Amino acid sequence: MAGIKTFSFPVRIYFEDTDSGGVVYHANYLKFMERARTEWLRSVGINQHLLKHHDHIMFVVHRIDIQYKLPARFNDDLIVKSELKDIGSSKIEFRQMIYRDNEMLIDASVDIACIDSEKFKPVRIPSTVKEIMESL
């Protein structure tokens, strides 16, 4: 398994991603960042489906601090970079940035909580998952 502390995920902007002004609707950037985090987990061998159904845990967004710097437009090719910043007992901190070429469009800090999938209460990140993340 390849260690990836910073992960890049490509996104193309479709007409459906834009608002009436022809720029990406602000909430869609959150979707792009979610996809990038999911693909990062998949790339390091962490299966969220199995975690939910076998271990009864889920990773959910707890906090986002986002700065919109420049707009993306229809047909832009973007790169969402996800950087693992810190892993606690029940929280993972990411920095996520969205670029068009070398221009940063979005800069965000995202805290992900590990919760029990049935009780929706915080729980510890499983040791196997934490070990994978800490080894990156």
C-alpha atoms as a PDB file:
ATOM      1  CA  MET A   1       0.000   0.000   0.000  1.00  0.00           C
ATOM      2  CA  ALA A   2       1.422   3.360  -1.000  1.00  0.00           C
ATOM      3  CA  GLY A   3       1.539   6.060   1.672  1.00  0.00           C
ATOM      4  CA  ILE A   4      -0.225   9.224   0.629  1.00  0.00           C
ATOM      5  CA  LYS A   5      -0.335  12.102   3.114  1.00  0.00           C
ATOM      6  CA  THR A   6      -1.327  14.582   0.403  1.00  0.00           C
ATOM      7  CA  PHE A   7      -3.810  13.344  -2.178  1.00  0.00           C
ATOM      8  CA  SER A   8      -4.843  15.036  -5.441  1.00  0.00           C
ATOM      9  CA  PHE A   9      -8.244  14.436  -7.014  1.00  0.00           C
ATOM     10  CA  PRO A  10      -9.293  15.865 -10.411  1.00  0.00           C
ATOM     11  CA  VAL A  11     -12.689  17.513 -10.908  1.00  0.00           C
ATOM     12  CA  ARG A  12     -14.172  18.858 -14.129  1.00  0.00           C
ATOM     13  CA  ILE A  13     -16.823  21.560 -13.833  1.00  0.00           C
ATOM     14  CA  TYR A  14     -20.088  20.788 -15.598  1.00  0.00           C
ATOM     15  CA  PHE A  15     -22.917  23.195 -16.327  1.00  0.00           C
ATOM     16  CA  GLU A  16     -24.949  21.611 -13.489  1.00  0.00           C
ATOM     17  CA  ASP A  17     -22.225  22.730 -11.025  1.00  0.00           C
ATOM     18  CA  THR A  18     -22.720  26.411 -11.828  1.00  0.00           C
ATOM     19  CA  ASP A  19     -25.192  29.026 -10.670  1.00  0.00           C
ATOM     20  CA  SER A  20     -27.049  31.658 -12.675  1.00  0.00           C
ATOM     21  CA  GLY A  21     -23.882  33.757 -12.773  1.00  0.00           C
ATOM     22  CA  GLY A  22     -21.990  30.990 -14.556  1.00  0.00           C
ATOM     23  CA  VAL A  23     -19.671  30.226 -11.643  1.00  0.00           C
ATOM     24  CA  VAL A  24     -19.535  27.156  -9.421  1.00  0.00           C
ATOM     25  CA  TYR A  25     -22.237  27.331  -6.768  1.00  0.00           C
ATOM     26  CA  HIS A  26     -20.507  27.725  -3.387  1.00  0.00           C
ATOM     27  CA  ALA A  27     -21.918  24.508  -1.834  1.00  0.00           C
ATOM     28  CA  ASN A  28     -20.568  22.394  -4.689  1.00  0.00           C
ATOM     29  CA  TYR A  29     -17.008  22.968  -3.504  1.00  0.00           C
ATOM     30  CA  LEU A  30     -17.961  21.030  -0.356  1.00  0.00           C
ATOM     31  CA  LYS A  31     -19.070  18.114  -2.561  1.00  0.00           C
ATOM     32  CA  PHE A  32     -15.768  18.176  -4.434  1.00  0.00           C
ATOM     33  CA  MET A  33     -13.841  18.111  -1.146  1.00  0.00           C
ATOM     34  CA  GLU A  34     -15.984  15.221   0.155  1.00  0.00           C
ATOM     35  CA  ARG A  35     -15.252  13.194  -2.976  1.00  0.00           C
ATOM     36  CA  ALA A  36     -11.529  13.870  -2.615  1.00  0.00           C
ATOM     37  CA  ARG A  37     -11.486  12.709   1.034  1.00  0.00           C
ATOM     38  CA  THR A  38     -13.445   9.564   0.109  1.00  0.00           C
ATOM     39  CA  GLU A  39     -11.057   8.752  -2.731  1.00  0.00           C
ATOM     40  CA  TRP A  40      -8.067   9.390  -0.460  1.00  0.00           C
ATOM     41  CA  LEU A  41      -9.414   6.891   2.097  1.00  0.00           C
ATOM     42  CA  ARG A  42     -10.038   4.381  -0.693  1.00  0.00           C
ATOM     43  CA  SER A  43      -6.504   4.887  -2.049  1.00  0.00           C
ATOM     44  CA  VAL A  44      -4.920   3.957   1.306  1.00  0.00           C
ATOM     45  CA  GLY A  45      -7.130   0.879   1.715  1.00  0.00           C
ATOM     46  CA  ILE A  46      -9.791   2.208   4.092  1.00  0.00           C
ATOM     47  CA  ASN A  47     -13.259   0.996   3.078  1.00  0.00           C
ATOM     48  CA  GLN A  48     -15.945   3.272   4.552  1.00  0.00           C
ATOM     49  CA  HIS A  49     -18.714   0.841   3.610  1.00  0.00           C
ATOM     50  CA  LEU A  50     -17.109  -1.927   5.674  1.00  0.00           C
ATOM     51  CA  LEU A  51     -16.423   0.459   8.554  1.00  0.00           C
ATOM     52  CA  LYS A  52     -20.095   1.395   8.703  1.00  0.00           C
ATOM     53  CA  HIS A  53     -21.570  -2.078   8.324  1.00  0.00           C
ATOM     54  CA  HIS A  54     -19.001  -4.163  10.228  1.00  0.00           C
ATOM     55  CA  ASP A  55     -17.452  -1.758  12.734  1.00  0.00           C
ATOM     56  CA  HIS A  56     -20.503   0.531  13.081  1.00  0.00           C
ATOM     57  CA  ILE A  57     -18.515   3.715  12.622  1.00  0.00           C
ATOM     58  CA  MET A  58     -18.665   6.597  10.178  1.00  0.00           C
ATOM     59  CA  PHE A  59     -16.547   9.636   9.447  1.00  0.00           C
ATOM     60  CA  VAL A  60     -18.589  12.855   9.399  1.00  0.00           C
ATOM     61  CA  VAL A  61     -17.743  16.519   8.949  1.00  0.00           C
ATOM     62  CA  HIS A  62     -17.597  18.247  12.313  1.00  0.00           C
ATOM     63  CA  ARG A  63     -16.287  21.662  11.249  1.00  0.00           C
ATOM     64  CA  ILE A  64     -15.278  23.472   8.073  1.00  0.00           C
ATOM     65  CA  ASP A  65     -13.472  26.790   7.816  1.00  0.00           C
ATOM     66  CA  ILE A  66     -13.446  27.737   4.144  1.00  0.00           C
ATOM     67  CA  GLN A  67     -12.079  30.694   2.232  1.00  0.00           C
ATOM     68  CA  TYR A  68     -13.359  31.313  -1.281  1.00  0.00           C
ATOM     69  CA  LYS A  69     -10.546  33.065  -3.142  1.00  0.00           C
ATOM     70  CA  LEU A  70     -11.484  32.839  -6.838  1.00  0.00           C
ATOM     71  CA  PRO A  71     -14.435  31.348  -8.735  1.00  0.00           C
ATOM     72  CA  ALA A  72     -14.374  28.272 -10.936  1.00  0.00           C
ATOM     73  CA  ARG A  73     -16.418  28.270 -14.130  1.00  0.00           C
ATOM     74  CA  PHE A  74     -18.017  25.820 -16.539  1.00  0.00           C
ATOM     75  CA  ASN A  75     -15.547  23.370 -18.131  1.00  0.00           C
ATOM     76  CA  ASP A  76     -12.663  24.241 -15.778  1.00  0.00           C
ATOM     77  CA  ASP A  77     -10.378  21.376 -14.808  1.00  0.00           C
ATOM     78  CA  LEU A  78      -9.662  21.559 -11.084  1.00  0.00           C
ATOM     79  CA  ILE A  79      -7.485  19.648  -8.650  1.00  0.00           C
ATOM     80  CA  VAL A  80      -8.660  19.101  -5.079  1.00  0.00           C
ATOM     81  CA  LYS A  81      -5.674  18.571  -2.788  1.00  0.00           C
ATOM     82  CA  SER A  82      -6.341  16.921   0.557  1.00  0.00           C
ATOM     83  CA  GLU A  83      -3.582  17.114   3.133  1.00  0.00           C
ATOM     84  CA  LEU A  84      -3.738  15.102   6.350  1.00  0.00           C
ATOM     85  CA  LYS A  85      -2.771  17.509   9.141  1.00  0.00           C
ATOM     86  CA  ASP A  86      -3.458  15.640  12.404  1.00  0.00           C
ATOM     87  CA  ILE A  87      -5.108  12.531  13.797  1.00  0.00           C
ATOM     88  CA  GLY A  88      -6.575  12.514  17.291  1.00  0.00           C
ATOM     89  CA  SER A  89      -8.366   9.776  19.180  1.00  0.00           C
ATOM     90  CA  SER A  90     -11.683  10.526  17.452  1.00  0.00           C
ATOM     91  CA  LYS A  91     -10.911  13.397  15.046  1.00  0.00           C
ATOM     92  CA  ILE A  92      -8.998  13.831  11.789  1.00  0.00           C
ATOM     93  CA  GLU A  93      -7.891  17.257  10.589  1.00  0.00           C
ATOM     94  CA  PHE A  94      -7.463  18.006   6.891  1.00  0.00           C
ATOM     95  CA  ARG A  95      -6.427  21.004   4.877  1.00  0.00           C
ATOM     96  CA  GLN A  96      -8.125  20.961   1.495  1.00  0.00           C
ATOM     97  CA  MET A  97      -7.275  23.263  -1.363  1.00  0.00           C
ATOM     98  CA  ILE A  98      -8.839  23.527  -4.791  1.00  0.00           C
ATOM     99  CA  TYR A  99      -6.682  24.688  -7.683  1.00  0.00           C
ATOM    100  CA  ARG A 100      -7.168  25.629 -11.310  1.00  0.00           C
ATOM    101  CA  ASP A 101      -3.718  25.253 -12.827  1.00  0.00           C
ATOM    102  CA  ASN A 102      -1.520  26.971 -10.223  1.00  0.00           C
ATOM    103  CA  GLU A 103      -4.227  29.325  -8.909  1.00  0.00           C
ATOM    104  CA  MET A 104      -5.688  28.492  -5.505  1.00  0.00           C
ATOM    105  CA  LEU A 105      -9.468  28.935  -5.636  1.00  0.00           C
ATOM    106  CA  ILE A 106     -10.424  27.426  -2.271  1.00  0.00           C
ATOM    107  CA  ASP A 107      -8.521  26.992   1.001  1.00  0.00           C
ATOM    108  CA  ALA A 108     -10.312  25.022   3.728  1.00  0.00           C
ATOM    109  CA  SER A 109      -9.649  23.428   7.082  1.00  0.00           C
ATOM    110  CA  VAL A 110     -11.902  20.404   7.654  1.00  0.00           C
ATOM    111  CA  ASP A 111     -12.340  18.466  10.911  1.00  0.00           C
ATOM    112  CA  ILE A 112     -13.747  14.970  10.545  1.00  0.00           C
ATOM    113  CA  ALA A 113     -15.245  13.162  13.559  1.00  0.00           C
ATOM    114  CA  CYS A 114     -15.450   9.409  14.004  1.00  0.00           C
ATOM    115  CA  ILE A 115     -18.920   8.472  15.261  1.00  0.00           C
ATOM    116  CA  ASP A 116     -20.929   5.374  16.106  1.00  0.00           C
ATOM    117  CA  SER A 117     -23.118   4.783  13.037  1.00  0.00           C
ATOM    118  CA  GLU A 118     -26.136   3.794  15.127  1.00  0.00           C
ATOM    119  CA  LYS A 119     -25.943   6.185  18.106  1.00  0.00           C
ATOM    120  CA  PHE A 120     -24.331   9.119  16.267  1.00  0.00           C
ATOM    121  CA  LYS A 121     -22.000   9.686  19.230  1.00  0.00           C
ATOM    122  CA  PRO A 122     -18.231  10.245  18.986  1.00  0.00           C
ATOM    123  CA  VAL A 123     -16.070   7.120  19.266  1.00  0.00           C
ATOM    124  CA  ARG A 124     -12.366   6.343  18.963  1.00  0.00           C
ATOM    125  CA  ILE A 125     -10.921   5.820  15.519  1.00  0.00           C
ATOM    126  CA  PRO A 126     -10.253   2.071  15.186  1.00  0.00           C
ATOM    127  CA  SER A 127      -6.583   1.279  15.823  1.00  0.00           C
ATOM    128  CA  THR A 128      -6.170  -0.377  12.406  1.00  0.00           C
ATOM    129  CA  VAL A 129      -7.459   2.749  10.650  1.00  0.00           C
ATOM    130  CA  LYS A 130      -5.396   5.085  12.830  1.00  0.00           C
ATOM    131  CA  GLU A 131      -2.245   3.026  12.195  1.00  0.00           C
ATOM    132  CA  ILE A 132      -2.760   3.317   8.418  1.00  0.00           C
ATOM    133  CA  MET A 133      -3.173   7.089   8.654  1.00  0.00           C
ATOM    134  CA  GLU A 134      -0.225   7.560  11.028  1.00  0.00           C
ATOM    135  CA  SER A 135       2.045   5.542   8.740  1.00  0.00           C
ATOM    136  CA  LEU A 136       1.560   7.990   5.853  1.00  0.00           C
END
